[in-house]
Amino acid sequence: IDGGFTANSPVWRAVEEGADEVLVLLLSPLGRPQLGDSWLFGFSILESEFQLFIYNYFMGQELQTACAAMRKRHGRIVAYAPKEPLPSLISFTTEAVEAMRRNGYELVQNSSAIDLCEWLGHYKQ
């Protein structure tokens, strides 16, 4: 399920639909988004605020609710997350989209999936 703009990673929807195992491809590293070292101007401010909004919704609502339901049915939510932030997520040029696709492919090929519910339990402590 692709969440698009409003629910970037609609994990809860997949759980609600009956999935026992959910695979999430995150577009950002796990953890609270960090502001870069440079000053933010114009559209960059909006993009940073949007990333923070998505993070807060995903961690505070979506993932906690989904993990609680998955614990009851012994399901799993696993994810691949980049180690570094991707370039602008609102740049839809052919080159930017292709670079993100290539980064995602390499990430899955070169790393192990993370159990998001286990990670969330450690992260909240």
PDB file of N, CA and C in Angstrom:
ATOM      1  N   ILE A   1       0.865  -1.172   0.000  1.00  0.00           N
ATOM      2  CA  ILE A   1       0.000   0.000   0.000  1.00  0.00           C
ATOM      3  C   ILE A   1       0.903   1.224   0.000  1.00  0.00           C
ATOM      4  N   ASP A   2       0.681   2.118  -0.898  1.00  0.00           N
ATOM      5  CA  ASP A   2       1.428   3.373  -0.922  1.00  0.00           C
ATOM      6  C   ASP A   2       0.532   4.439  -0.319  1.00  0.00           C
ATOM      7  N   GLY A   3       1.049   5.114   0.696  1.00  0.00           N
ATOM      8  CA  GLY A   3       0.240   6.096   1.388  1.00  0.00           C
ATOM      9  C   GLY A   3       0.160   7.436   0.715  1.00  0.00           C
ATOM     10  N   GLY A   4       1.102   7.707  -0.185  1.00  0.00           N
ATOM     11  CA  GLY A   4       1.093   8.997  -0.856  1.00  0.00           C
ATOM     12  C   GLY A   4       1.393  10.120   0.100  1.00  0.00           C
ATOM     13  N   PHE A   5       0.694  11.216  -0.039  1.00  0.00           N
ATOM     14  CA  PHE A   5       1.014  12.437   0.687  1.00  0.00           C
ATOM     15  C   PHE A   5       0.541  12.419   2.141  1.00  0.00           C
ATOM     16  N   THR A   6      -0.651  11.919   2.398  1.00  0.00           N
ATOM     17  CA  THR A   6      -1.214  12.062   3.743  1.00  0.00           C
ATOM     18  C   THR A   6      -0.724  11.042   4.749  1.00  0.00           C
ATOM     19  N   ALA A   7      -0.484   9.808   4.343  1.00  0.00           N
ATOM     20  CA  ALA A   7       0.025   8.785   5.257  1.00  0.00           C
ATOM     21  C   ALA A   7       1.207   8.136   4.547  1.00  0.00           C
ATOM     22  N   ASN A   8       2.347   8.753   4.687  1.00  0.00           N
ATOM     23  CA  ASN A   8       3.537   8.359   3.938  1.00  0.00           C
ATOM     24  C   ASN A   8       3.818   6.862   4.004  1.00  0.00           C
ATOM     25  N   SER A   9       3.701   6.272   5.167  1.00  0.00           N
ATOM     26  CA  SER A   9       3.884   4.827   5.351  1.00  0.00           C
ATOM     27  C   SER A   9       2.647   4.294   6.067  1.00  0.00           C
ATOM     28  N   PRO A  10       1.620   3.913   5.334  1.00  0.00           N
ATOM     29  CA  PRO A  10       0.343   3.532   5.961  1.00  0.00           C
ATOM     30  C   PRO A  10       0.374   2.135   6.580  1.00  0.00           C
ATOM     31  N   VAL A  11       1.190   1.989   7.606  1.00  0.00           N
ATOM     32  CA  VAL A  11       1.354   0.700   8.268  1.00  0.00           C
ATOM     33  C   VAL A  11       0.039   0.243   8.893  1.00  0.00           C
ATOM     34  N   TRP A  12      -0.641   1.138   9.558  1.00  0.00           N
ATOM     35  CA  TRP A  12      -1.888   0.766  10.219  1.00  0.00           C
ATOM     36  C   TRP A  12      -2.899   0.235   9.214  1.00  0.00           C
ATOM     37  N   ARG A  13      -2.954   0.826   8.039  1.00  0.00           N
ATOM     38  CA  ARG A  13      -3.895   0.369   7.007  1.00  0.00           C
ATOM     39  C   ARG A  13      -3.599  -1.083   6.627  1.00  0.00           C
ATOM     40  N   ALA A  14      -2.327  -1.416   6.479  1.00  0.00           N
ATOM     41  CA  ALA A  14      -1.950  -2.793   6.140  1.00  0.00           C
ATOM     42  C   ALA A  14      -2.362  -3.759   7.258  1.00  0.00           C
ATOM     43  N   VAL A  15      -2.153  -3.342   8.510  1.00  0.00           N
ATOM     44  CA  VAL A  15      -2.534  -4.180   9.660  1.00  0.00           C
ATOM     45  C   VAL A  15      -4.050  -4.336   9.699  1.00  0.00           C
ATOM     46  N   GLU A  16      -4.738  -3.234   9.477  1.00  0.00           N
ATOM     47  CA  GLU A  16      -6.200  -3.238   9.467  1.00  0.00           C
ATOM     48  C   GLU A  16      -6.758  -4.171   8.381  1.00  0.00           C
ATOM     49  N   GLU A  17      -6.068  -4.237   7.270  1.00  0.00           N
ATOM     50  CA  GLU A  17      -6.484  -5.094   6.152  1.00  0.00           C
ATOM     51  C   GLU A  17      -6.185  -6.567   6.425  1.00  0.00           C
ATOM     52  N   GLY A  18      -5.480  -6.871   7.548  1.00  0.00           N
ATOM     53  CA  GLY A  18      -5.249  -8.253   7.929  1.00  0.00           C
ATOM     54  C   GLY A  18      -3.835  -8.769   7.712  1.00  0.00           C
ATOM     55  N   ALA A  19      -2.905  -7.912   7.357  1.00  0.00           N
ATOM     56  CA  ALA A  19      -1.528  -8.373   7.133  1.00  0.00           C
ATOM     57  C   ALA A  19      -0.928  -8.908   8.430  1.00  0.00           C
ATOM     58  N   ASP A  20      -0.228 -10.025   8.335  1.00  0.00           N
ATOM     59  CA  ASP A  20       0.489 -10.576   9.480  1.00  0.00           C
ATOM     60  C   ASP A  20       1.950 -10.151   9.461  1.00  0.00           C
ATOM     61  N   GLU A  21       2.418  -9.765   8.300  1.00  0.00           N
ATOM     62  CA  GLU A  21       3.781  -9.252   8.163  1.00  0.00           C
ATOM     63  C   GLU A  21       3.730  -8.048   7.228  1.00  0.00           C
ATOM     64  N   VAL A  22       4.352  -6.962   7.668  1.00  0.00           N
ATOM     65  CA  VAL A  22       4.351  -5.722   6.902  1.00  0.00           C
ATOM     66  C   VAL A  22       5.795  -5.329   6.631  1.00  0.00           C
ATOM     67  N   LEU A  23       6.092  -5.010   5.392  1.00  0.00           N
ATOM     68  CA  LEU A  23       7.412  -4.531   4.994  1.00  0.00           C
ATOM     69  C   LEU A  23       7.290  -3.060   4.649  1.00  0.00           C
ATOM     70  N   VAL A  24       8.094  -2.232   5.326  1.00  0.00           N
ATOM     71  CA  VAL A  24       8.055  -0.787   5.129  1.00  0.00           C
ATOM     72  C   VAL A  24       9.385  -0.336   4.539  1.00  0.00           C
ATOM     73  N   LEU A  25       9.319   0.462   3.500  1.00  0.00           N
ATOM     74  CA  LEU A  25      10.512   1.079   2.928  1.00  0.00           C
ATOM     75  C   LEU A  25      10.469   2.549   3.308  1.00  0.00           C
ATOM     76  N   LEU A  26      11.250   2.896   4.324  1.00  0.00           N
ATOM     77  CA  LEU A  26      11.255   4.273   4.827  1.00  0.00           C
ATOM     78  C   LEU A  26      12.081   5.172   3.921  1.00  0.00           C
ATOM     79  N   LEU A  27      11.685   6.426   3.859  1.00  0.00           N
ATOM     80  CA  LEU A  27      12.397   7.405   3.045  1.00  0.00           C
ATOM     81  C   LEU A  27      13.377   8.229   3.868  1.00  0.00           C
ATOM     82  N   SER A  28      13.356   8.042   5.173  1.00  0.00           N
ATOM     83  CA  SER A  28      14.224   8.804   6.074  1.00  0.00           C
ATOM     84  C   SER A  28      14.855   7.850   7.079  1.00  0.00           C
ATOM     85  N   PRO A  29      15.997   8.226   7.647  1.00  0.00           N
ATOM     86  CA  PRO A  29      16.588   7.398   8.697  1.00  0.00           C
ATOM     87  C   PRO A  29      15.632   7.305   9.896  1.00  0.00           C
ATOM     88  N   LEU A  30      15.759   6.215  10.666  1.00  0.00           N
ATOM     89  CA  LEU A  30      14.952   6.097  11.882  1.00  0.00           C
ATOM     90  C   LEU A  30      15.405   7.153  12.883  1.00  0.00           C
ATOM     91  N   GLY A  31      14.472   7.701  13.613  1.00  0.00           N
ATOM     92  CA  GLY A  31      14.781   8.746  14.584  1.00  0.00           C
ATOM     93  C   GLY A  31      14.223  10.079  14.127  1.00  0.00           C
ATOM     94  N   ARG A  32      14.192  11.007  15.049  1.00  0.00           N
ATOM     95  CA  ARG A  32      13.643  12.339  14.765  1.00  0.00           C
ATOM     96  C   ARG A  32      14.448  13.023  13.660  1.00  0.00           C
ATOM     97  N   PRO A  33      13.766  13.614  12.680  1.00  0.00           N
ATOM     98  CA  PRO A  33      14.483  14.318  11.605  1.00  0.00           C
ATOM     99  C   PRO A  33      15.367  15.432  12.177  1.00  0.00           C
ATOM    100  N   GLN A  34      16.549  15.555  11.615  1.00  0.00           N
ATOM    101  CA  GLN A  34      17.498  16.576  12.064  1.00  0.00           C
ATOM    102  C   GLN A  34      17.562  17.699  11.041  1.00  0.00           C
ATOM    103  N   LEU A  35      17.643  18.918  11.538  1.00  0.00           N
ATOM    104  CA  LEU A  35      17.852  20.042  10.634  1.00  0.00           C
ATOM    105  C   LEU A  35      19.301  20.031  10.193  1.00  0.00           C
ATOM    106  N   GLY A  36      19.542  20.393   8.963  1.00  0.00           N
ATOM    107  CA  GLY A  36      20.906  20.438   8.448  1.00  0.00           C
ATOM    108  C   GLY A  36      21.698  21.561   9.085  1.00  0.00           C
ATOM    109  N   ASP A  37      22.986  21.611   8.776  1.00  0.00           N
ATOM    110  CA  ASP A  37      23.855  22.650   9.317  1.00  0.00           C
ATOM    111  C   ASP A  37      23.630  24.001   8.649  1.00  0.00           C
ATOM    112  N   SER A  38      23.050  23.974   7.462  1.00  0.00           N
ATOM    113  CA  SER A  38      22.861  25.237   6.749  1.00  0.00           C
ATOM    114  C   SER A  38      21.554  25.889   7.166  1.00  0.00           C
ATOM    115  N   TRP A  39      21.436  27.149   6.863  1.00  0.00           N
ATOM    116  CA  TRP A  39      20.204  27.875   7.147  1.00  0.00           C
ATOM    117  C   TRP A  39      19.116  27.382   6.218  1.00  0.00           C
ATOM    118  N   LEU A  40      17.915  27.372   6.719  1.00  0.00           N
ATOM    119  CA  LEU A  40      16.791  26.961   5.894  1.00  0.00           C
ATOM    120  C   LEU A  40      16.096  28.194   5.344  1.00  0.00           C
ATOM    121  N   PHE A  41      15.868  28.185   4.059  1.00  0.00           N
ATOM    122  CA  PHE A  41      15.194  29.303   3.417  1.00  0.00           C
ATOM    123  C   PHE A  41      14.073  28.797   2.536  1.00  0.00           C
ATOM    124  N   GLY A  42      13.044  29.606   2.418  1.00  0.00           N
ATOM    125  CA  GLY A  42      11.971  29.337   1.476  1.00  0.00           C
ATOM    126  C   GLY A  42      11.374  27.952   1.594  1.00  0.00           C
ATOM    127  N   PHE A  43      11.397  27.246   0.475  1.00  0.00           N
ATOM    128  CA  PHE A  43      10.763  25.937   0.374  1.00  0.00           C
ATOM    129  C   PHE A  43      11.414  24.923   1.307  1.00  0.00           C
ATOM    130  N   SER A  44      12.678  25.105   1.649  1.00  0.00           N
ATOM    131  CA  SER A  44      13.372  24.183   2.553  1.00  0.00           C
ATOM    132  C   SER A  44      12.719  24.152   3.926  1.00  0.00           C
ATOM    133  N   ILE A  45      12.221  25.292   4.368  1.00  0.00           N
ATOM    134  CA  ILE A  45      11.538  25.362   5.664  1.00  0.00           C
ATOM    135  C   ILE A  45      10.285  24.498   5.623  1.00  0.00           C
ATOM    136  N   LEU A  46       9.519  24.635   4.561  1.00  0.00           N
ATOM    137  CA  LEU A  46       8.297  23.858   4.408  1.00  0.00           C
ATOM    138  C   LEU A  46       8.607  22.362   4.361  1.00  0.00           C
ATOM    139  N   GLU A  47       9.632  21.996   3.639  1.00  0.00           N
ATOM    140  CA  GLU A  47      10.005  20.581   3.540  1.00  0.00           C
ATOM    141  C   GLU A  47      10.426  20.031   4.902  1.00  0.00           C
ATOM    142  N   SER A  48      11.200  20.800   5.670  1.00  0.00           N
ATOM    143  CA  SER A  48      11.621  20.350   7.007  1.00  0.00           C
ATOM    144  C   SER A  48      10.427  20.194   7.940  1.00  0.00           C
ATOM    145  N   GLU A  49       9.519  21.138   7.910  1.00  0.00           N
ATOM    146  CA  GLU A  49       8.317  21.056   8.747  1.00  0.00           C
ATOM    147  C   GLU A  49       7.460  19.850   8.355  1.00  0.00           C
ATOM    148  N   PHE A  50       7.359  19.591   7.062  1.00  0.00           N
ATOM    149  CA  PHE A  50       6.578  18.452   6.588  1.00  0.00           C
ATOM    150  C   PHE A  50       7.206  17.151   7.070  1.00  0.00           C
ATOM    151  N   GLN A  51       8.521  17.023   6.987  1.00  0.00           N
ATOM    152  CA  GLN A  51       9.195  15.807   7.442  1.00  0.00           C
ATOM    153  C   GLN A  51       8.974  15.597   8.940  1.00  0.00           C
ATOM    154  N   LEU A  52       9.015  16.662   9.725  1.00  0.00           N
ATOM    155  CA  LEU A  52       8.777  16.558  11.160  1.00  0.00           C
ATOM    156  C   LEU A  52       7.326  16.147  11.440  1.00  0.00           C
ATOM    157  N   PHE A  53       6.390  16.717  10.704  1.00  0.00           N
ATOM    158  CA  PHE A  53       4.982  16.363  10.846  1.00  0.00           C
ATOM    159  C   PHE A  53       4.767  14.872  10.552  1.00  0.00           C
ATOM    160  N   ILE A  54       5.320  14.391   9.442  1.00  0.00           N
ATOM    161  CA  ILE A  54       5.176  12.988   9.059  1.00  0.00           C
ATOM    162  C   ILE A  54       5.789  12.091  10.127  1.00  0.00           C
ATOM    163  N   TYR A  55       6.972  12.449  10.620  1.00  0.00           N
ATOM    164  CA  TYR A  55       7.640  11.659  11.661  1.00  0.00           C
ATOM    165  C   TYR A  55       6.759  11.580  12.910  1.00  0.00           C
ATOM    166  N   ASN A  56       6.264  12.713  13.385  1.00  0.00           N
ATOM    167  CA  ASN A  56       5.456  12.738  14.603  1.00  0.00           C
ATOM    168  C   ASN A  56       4.175  11.914  14.437  1.00  0.00           C
ATOM    169  N   TYR A  57       3.549  12.015  13.282  1.00  0.00           N
ATOM    170  CA  TYR A  57       2.341  11.229  13.044  1.00  0.00           C
ATOM    171  C   TYR A  57       2.683   9.743  12.981  1.00  0.00           C
ATOM    172  N   PHE A  58       3.715   9.405  12.223  1.00  0.00           N
ATOM    173  CA  PHE A  58       4.072   8.000  12.040  1.00  0.00           C
ATOM    174  C   PHE A  58       4.440   7.351  13.365  1.00  0.00           C
ATOM    175  N   MET A  59       5.304   7.992  14.156  1.00  0.00           N
ATOM    176  CA  MET A  59       5.752   7.409  15.417  1.00  0.00           C
ATOM    177  C   MET A  59       4.675   7.498  16.494  1.00  0.00           C
ATOM    178  N   GLY A  60       4.003   8.621  16.575  1.00  0.00           N
ATOM    179  CA  GLY A  60       3.052   8.851  17.665  1.00  0.00           C
ATOM    180  C   GLY A  60       1.712   8.173  17.483  1.00  0.00           C
ATOM    181  N   GLN A  61       1.335   7.897  16.254  1.00  0.00           N
ATOM    182  CA  GLN A  61       0.020   7.311  16.009  1.00  0.00           C
ATOM    183  C   GLN A  61       0.121   5.987  15.267  1.00  0.00           C
ATOM    184  N   GLU A  62       0.542   6.101  14.034  1.00  0.00           N
ATOM    185  CA  GLU A  62       0.518   4.970  13.109  1.00  0.00           C
ATOM    186  C   GLU A  62       1.277   3.752  13.642  1.00  0.00           C
ATOM    187  N   LEU A  63       2.547   3.928  13.972  1.00  0.00           N
ATOM    188  CA  LEU A  63       3.376   2.790  14.353  1.00  0.00           C
ATOM    189  C   LEU A  63       2.981   2.224  15.715  1.00  0.00           C
ATOM    190  N   GLN A  64       2.695   3.073  16.682  1.00  0.00           N
ATOM    191  CA  GLN A  64       2.303   2.570  17.999  1.00  0.00           C
ATOM    192  C   GLN A  64       1.016   1.747  17.920  1.00  0.00           C
ATOM    193  N   THR A  65       0.038   2.235  17.180  1.00  0.00           N
ATOM    194  CA  THR A  65      -1.230   1.527  17.037  1.00  0.00           C
ATOM    195  C   THR A  65      -1.033   0.201  16.310  1.00  0.00           C
ATOM    196  N   ALA A  66      -0.258   0.238  15.234  1.00  0.00           N
ATOM    197  CA  ALA A  66      -0.016  -0.975  14.456  1.00  0.00           C
ATOM    198  C   ALA A  66       0.757  -2.013  15.269  1.00  0.00           C
ATOM    199  N   CYS A  67       1.764  -1.579  16.008  1.00  0.00           N
ATOM    200  CA  CYS A  67       2.552  -2.521  16.819  1.00  0.00           C
ATOM    201  C   CYS A  67       1.705  -3.160  17.912  1.00  0.00           C
ATOM    202  N   ALA A  68       0.826  -2.382  18.523  1.00  0.00           N
ATOM    203  CA  ALA A  68      -0.047  -2.949  19.558  1.00  0.00           C
ATOM    204  C   ALA A  68      -0.932  -4.044  18.960  1.00  0.00           C
ATOM    205  N   ALA A  69      -1.471  -3.811  17.787  1.00  0.00           N
ATOM    206  CA  ALA A  69      -2.312  -4.817  17.136  1.00  0.00           C
ATOM    207  C   ALA A  69      -1.491  -6.031  16.710  1.00  0.00           C
ATOM    208  N   MET A  70      -0.293  -5.800  16.208  1.00  0.00           N
ATOM    209  CA  MET A  70       0.545  -6.913  15.751  1.00  0.00           C
ATOM    210  C   MET A  70       1.023  -7.782  16.910  1.00  0.00           C
ATOM    211  N   ARG A  71       1.259  -7.187  18.070  1.00  0.00           N
ATOM    212  CA  ARG A  71       1.658  -7.978  19.245  1.00  0.00           C
ATOM    213  C   ARG A  71       0.561  -8.973  19.605  1.00  0.00           C
ATOM    214  N   LYS A  72      -0.694  -8.544  19.496  1.00  0.00           N
ATOM    215  CA  LYS A  72      -1.819  -9.417  19.842  1.00  0.00           C
ATOM    216  C   LYS A  72      -1.915 -10.614  18.898  1.00  0.00           C
ATOM    217  N   ARG A  73      -1.545 -10.420  17.649  1.00  0.00           N
ATOM    218  CA  ARG A  73      -1.657 -11.534  16.694  1.00  0.00           C
ATOM    219  C   ARG A  73      -0.308 -12.117  16.287  1.00  0.00           C
ATOM    220  N   HIS A  74       0.727 -11.725  17.016  1.00  0.00           N
ATOM    221  CA  HIS A  74       2.080 -12.248  16.790  1.00  0.00           C
ATOM    222  C   HIS A  74       2.585 -11.982  15.375  1.00  0.00           C
ATOM    223  N   GLY A  75       2.257 -10.799  14.860  1.00  0.00           N
ATOM    224  CA  GLY A  75       2.725 -10.399  13.537  1.00  0.00           C
ATOM    225  C   GLY A  75       4.015  -9.590  13.637  1.00  0.00           C
ATOM    226  N   ARG A  76       4.519  -9.194  12.494  1.00  0.00           N
ATOM    227  CA  ARG A  76       5.772  -8.424  12.455  1.00  0.00           C
ATOM    228  C   ARG A  76       5.643  -7.242  11.510  1.00  0.00           C
ATOM    229  N   ILE A  77       6.334  -6.168  11.884  1.00  0.00           N
ATOM    230  CA  ILE A  77       6.475  -5.009  11.004  1.00  0.00           C
ATOM    231  C   ILE A  77       7.964  -4.784  10.864  1.00  0.00           C
ATOM    232  N   VAL A  78       8.472  -4.992   9.664  1.00  0.00           N
ATOM    233  CA  VAL A  78       9.900  -4.815   9.421  1.00  0.00           C
ATOM    234  C   VAL A  78      10.100  -3.697   8.411  1.00  0.00           C
ATOM    235  N   ALA A  79      11.279  -3.084   8.477  1.00  0.00           N
ATOM    236  CA  ALA A  79      11.537  -1.940   7.601  1.00  0.00           C
ATOM    237  C   ALA A  79      12.983  -1.893   7.152  1.00  0.00           C
ATOM    238  N   TYR A  80      13.172  -1.224   6.059  1.00  0.00           N
ATOM    239  CA  TYR A  80      14.492  -0.803   5.604  1.00  0.00           C
ATOM    240  C   TYR A  80      14.488   0.707   5.690  1.00  0.00           C
ATOM    241  N   ALA A  81      15.536   1.254   6.284  1.00  0.00           N
ATOM    242  CA  ALA A  81      15.635   2.712   6.439  1.00  0.00           C
ATOM    243  C   ALA A  81      17.019   3.164   6.004  1.00  0.00           C
ATOM    244  N   PRO A  82      17.099   4.246   5.247  1.00  0.00           N
ATOM    245  CA  PRO A  82      18.416   4.742   4.844  1.00  0.00           C
ATOM    246  C   PRO A  82      19.179   5.255   6.060  1.00  0.00           C
ATOM    247  N   LYS A  83      20.493   5.207   5.992  1.00  0.00           N
ATOM    248  CA  LYS A  83      21.325   5.722   7.092  1.00  0.00           C
ATOM    249  C   LYS A  83      21.453   7.245   7.033  1.00  0.00           C
ATOM    250  N   GLU A  84      21.364   7.793   5.845  1.00  0.00           N
ATOM    251  CA  GLU A  84      21.454   9.235   5.631  1.00  0.00           C
ATOM    252  C   GLU A  84      20.152   9.722   5.005  1.00  0.00           C
ATOM    253  N   PRO A  85      19.767  10.964   5.297  1.00  0.00           N
ATOM    254  CA  PRO A  85      18.559  11.496   4.655  1.00  0.00           C
ATOM    255  C   PRO A  85      18.717  11.501   3.132  1.00  0.00           C
ATOM    256  N   LEU A  86      17.632  11.227   2.458  1.00  0.00           N
ATOM    257  CA  LEU A  86      17.630  11.290   1.004  1.00  0.00           C
ATOM    258  C   LEU A  86      17.620  12.752   0.568  1.00  0.00           C
ATOM    259  N   PRO A  87      18.000  13.004  -0.675  1.00  0.00           N
ATOM    260  CA  PRO A  87      17.855  14.376  -1.176  1.00  0.00           C
ATOM    261  C   PRO A  87      16.384  14.773  -1.114  1.00  0.00           C
ATOM    262  N   SER A  88      16.078  15.942  -1.498  1.00  0.00           N
ATOM    263  CA  SER A  88      14.721  16.484  -1.421  1.00  0.00           C
ATOM    264  C   SER A  88      13.667  15.456  -1.821  1.00  0.00           C
ATOM    265  N   LEU A  89      12.704  15.249  -0.926  1.00  0.00           N
ATOM    266  CA  LEU A  89      11.628  14.296  -1.201  1.00  0.00           C
ATOM    267  C   LEU A  89      10.523  14.914  -2.038  1.00  0.00           C
ATOM    268  N   ILE A  90      10.619  16.198  -2.297  1.00  0.00           N
ATOM    269  CA  ILE A  90       9.584  16.842  -3.100  1.00  0.00           C
ATOM    270  C   ILE A  90      10.127  17.298  -4.447  1.00  0.00           C
ATOM    271  N   SER A  91      11.237  16.718  -4.844  1.00  0.00           N
ATOM    272  CA  SER A  91      11.785  16.957  -6.171  1.00  0.00           C
ATOM    273  C   SER A  91      11.394  15.770  -7.041  1.00  0.00           C
ATOM    274  N   PHE A  92      10.569  16.016  -8.025  1.00  0.00           N
ATOM    275  CA  PHE A  92      10.063  14.927  -8.848  1.00  0.00           C
ATOM    276  C   PHE A  92      10.675  14.912 -10.245  1.00  0.00           C
ATOM    277  N   THR A  93      11.885  15.407 -10.358  1.00  0.00           N
ATOM    278  CA  THR A  93      12.557  15.319 -11.648  1.00  0.00           C
ATOM    279  C   THR A  93      12.896  13.858 -11.920  1.00  0.00           C
ATOM    280  N   THR A  94      13.063  13.518 -13.161  1.00  0.00           N
ATOM    281  CA  THR A  94      13.403  12.145 -13.536  1.00  0.00           C
ATOM    282  C   THR A  94      14.675  11.706 -12.827  1.00  0.00           C
ATOM    283  N   GLU A  95      15.675  12.588 -12.786  1.00  0.00           N
ATOM    284  CA  GLU A  95      16.953  12.247 -12.159  1.00  0.00           C
ATOM    285  C   GLU A  95      16.789  11.994 -10.660  1.00  0.00           C
ATOM    286  N   ALA A  96      16.010  12.842  -9.972  1.00  0.00           N
ATOM    287  CA  ALA A  96      15.822  12.680  -8.526  1.00  0.00           C
ATOM    288  C   ALA A  96      15.068  11.392  -8.208  1.00  0.00           C
ATOM    289  N   VAL A  97      14.028  11.104  -8.968  1.00  0.00           N
ATOM    290  CA  VAL A  97      13.245   9.888  -8.736  1.00  0.00           C
ATOM    291  C   VAL A  97      14.110   8.655  -9.000  1.00  0.00           C
ATOM    292  N   GLU A  98      14.887   8.683 -10.075  1.00  0.00           N
ATOM    293  CA  GLU A  98      15.759   7.551 -10.392  1.00  0.00           C
ATOM    294  C   GLU A  98      16.822   7.354  -9.312  1.00  0.00           C
ATOM    295  N   ALA A  99      17.375   8.446  -8.783  1.00  0.00           N
ATOM    296  CA  ALA A  99      18.382   8.345  -7.709  1.00  0.00           C
ATOM    297  C   ALA A  99      17.765   7.736  -6.457  1.00  0.00           C
ATOM    298  N   MET A 100      16.538   8.131  -6.109  1.00  0.00           N
ATOM    299  CA  MET A 100      15.875   7.560  -4.934  1.00  0.00           C
ATOM    300  C   MET A 100      15.581   6.082  -5.147  1.00  0.00           C
ATOM    301  N   ARG A 101      15.151   5.722  -6.343  1.00  0.00           N
ATOM    302  CA  ARG A 101      14.877   4.315  -6.655  1.00  0.00           C
ATOM    303  C   ARG A 101      16.158   3.483  -6.533  1.00  0.00           C
ATOM    304  N   ARG A 102      17.241   4.001  -7.069  1.00  0.00           N
ATOM    305  CA  ARG A 102      18.530   3.308  -7.004  1.00  0.00           C
ATOM    306  C   ARG A 102      18.999   3.179  -5.548  1.00  0.00           C
ATOM    307  N   ASN A 103      18.854   4.246  -4.761  1.00  0.00           N
ATOM    308  CA  ASN A 103      19.231   4.201  -3.341  1.00  0.00           C
ATOM    309  C   ASN A 103      18.423   3.152  -2.593  1.00  0.00           C
ATOM    310  N   GLY A 104      17.125   3.060  -2.866  1.00  0.00           N
ATOM    311  CA  GLY A 104      16.280   2.065  -2.204  1.00  0.00           C
ATOM    312  C   GLY A 104      16.685   0.654  -2.566  1.00  0.00           C
ATOM    313  N   TYR A 105      16.967   0.424  -3.817  1.00  0.00           N
ATOM    314  CA  TYR A 105      17.388  -0.895  -4.258  1.00  0.00           C
ATOM    315  C   TYR A 105      18.691  -1.297  -3.569  1.00  0.00           C
ATOM    316  N   GLU A 106      19.654  -0.383  -3.543  1.00  0.00           N
ATOM    317  CA  GLU A 106      20.946  -0.677  -2.899  1.00  0.00           C
ATOM    318  C   GLU A 106      20.787  -0.893  -1.403  1.00  0.00           C
ATOM    319  N   LEU A 107      19.912  -0.144  -0.768  1.00  0.00           N
ATOM    320  CA  LEU A 107      19.672  -0.297   0.665  1.00  0.00           C
ATOM    321  C   LEU A 107      19.175  -1.706   0.974  1.00  0.00           C
ATOM    322  N   VAL A 108      18.195  -2.176   0.229  1.00  0.00           N
ATOM    323  CA  VAL A 108      17.625  -3.506   0.468  1.00  0.00           C
ATOM    324  C   VAL A 108      18.662  -4.596   0.182  1.00  0.00           C
ATOM    325  N   GLN A 109      19.478  -4.394  -0.827  1.00  0.00           N
ATOM    326  CA  GLN A 109      20.487  -5.387  -1.182  1.00  0.00           C
ATOM    327  C   GLN A 109      21.624  -5.461  -0.163  1.00  0.00           C
ATOM    328  N   ASN A 110      21.937  -4.332   0.496  1.00  0.00           N
ATOM    329  CA  ASN A 110      23.143  -4.245   1.331  1.00  0.00           C
ATOM    330  C   ASN A 110      22.895  -4.116   2.824  1.00  0.00           C
ATOM    331  N   SER A 111      21.665  -4.326   3.287  1.00  0.00           N
ATOM    332  CA  SER A 111      21.410  -4.210   4.727  1.00  0.00           C
ATOM    333  C   SER A 111      20.306  -5.185   5.137  1.00  0.00           C
ATOM    334  N   SER A 112      20.110  -5.299   6.429  1.00  0.00           N
ATOM    335  CA  SER A 112      19.075  -6.184   6.973  1.00  0.00           C
ATOM    336  C   SER A 112      17.859  -5.363   7.387  1.00  0.00           C
ATOM    337  N   ALA A 113      16.707  -5.983   7.323  1.00  0.00           N
ATOM    338  CA  ALA A 113      15.483  -5.312   7.752  1.00  0.00           C
ATOM    339  C   ALA A 113      15.506  -5.128   9.274  1.00  0.00           C
ATOM    340  N   ILE A 114      14.844  -4.096   9.727  1.00  0.00           N
ATOM    341  CA  ILE A 114      14.750  -3.743  11.147  1.00  0.00           C
ATOM    342  C   ILE A 114      13.337  -4.057  11.624  1.00  0.00           C
ATOM    343  N   ASP A 115      13.217  -4.709  12.770  1.00  0.00           N
ATOM    344  CA  ASP A 115      11.903  -4.940  13.372  1.00  0.00           C
ATOM    345  C   ASP A 115      11.451  -3.614  13.985  1.00  0.00           C
ATOM    346  N   LEU A 116      10.472  -2.961  13.364  1.00  0.00           N
ATOM    347  CA  LEU A 116      10.065  -1.626  13.809  1.00  0.00           C
ATOM    348  C   LEU A 116       9.430  -1.617  15.190  1.00  0.00           C
ATOM    349  N   CYS A 117       8.683  -2.651  15.545  1.00  0.00           N
ATOM    350  CA  CYS A 117       8.056  -2.666  16.872  1.00  0.00           C
ATOM    351  C   CYS A 117       9.109  -2.833  17.963  1.00  0.00           C
ATOM    352  N   GLU A 118      10.093  -3.664  17.705  1.00  0.00           N
ATOM    353  CA  GLU A 118      11.197  -3.819  18.647  1.00  0.00           C
ATOM    354  C   GLU A 118      11.975  -2.509  18.758  1.00  0.00           C
ATOM    355  N   TRP A 119      12.249  -1.884  17.618  1.00  0.00           N
ATOM    356  CA  TRP A 119      12.970  -0.609  17.601  1.00  0.00           C
ATOM    357  C   TRP A 119      12.185   0.448  18.362  1.00  0.00           C
ATOM    358  N   LEU A 120      10.876   0.505  18.146  1.00  0.00           N
ATOM    359  CA  LEU A 120      10.045   1.500  18.816  1.00  0.00           C
ATOM    360  C   LEU A 120      10.101   1.318  20.332  1.00  0.00           C
ATOM    361  N   GLY A 121      10.075   0.063  20.802  1.00  0.00           N
ATOM    362  CA  GLY A 121      10.165  -0.215  22.235  1.00  0.00           C
ATOM    363  C   GLY A 121      11.464   0.301  22.830  1.00  0.00           C
ATOM    364  N   HIS A 122      12.574   0.130  22.132  1.00  0.00           N
ATOM    365  CA  HIS A 122      13.877   0.631  22.621  1.00  0.00           C
ATOM    366  C   HIS A 122      13.950   2.146  22.512  1.00  0.00           C
ATOM    367  N   TYR A 123      13.404   2.692  21.429  1.00  0.00           N
ATOM    368  CA  TYR A 123      13.473   4.125  21.169  1.00  0.00           C
ATOM    369  C   TYR A 123      12.699   4.929  22.208  1.00  0.00           C
ATOM    370  N   LYS A 124      11.574   4.391  22.652  1.00  0.00           N
ATOM    371  CA  LYS A 124      10.717   5.111  23.601  1.00  0.00           C
ATOM    372  C   LYS A 124      11.283   5.096  25.013  1.00  0.00           C
ATOM    373  N   GLN A 125      12.239   4.192  25.314  1.00  0.00           N
ATOM    374  CA  GLN A 125      12.782   4.079  26.678  1.00  0.00           C
ATOM    375  C   GLN A 125      13.740   5.192  26.973  1.00  0.00           C
TER     376      GLN A 125
END
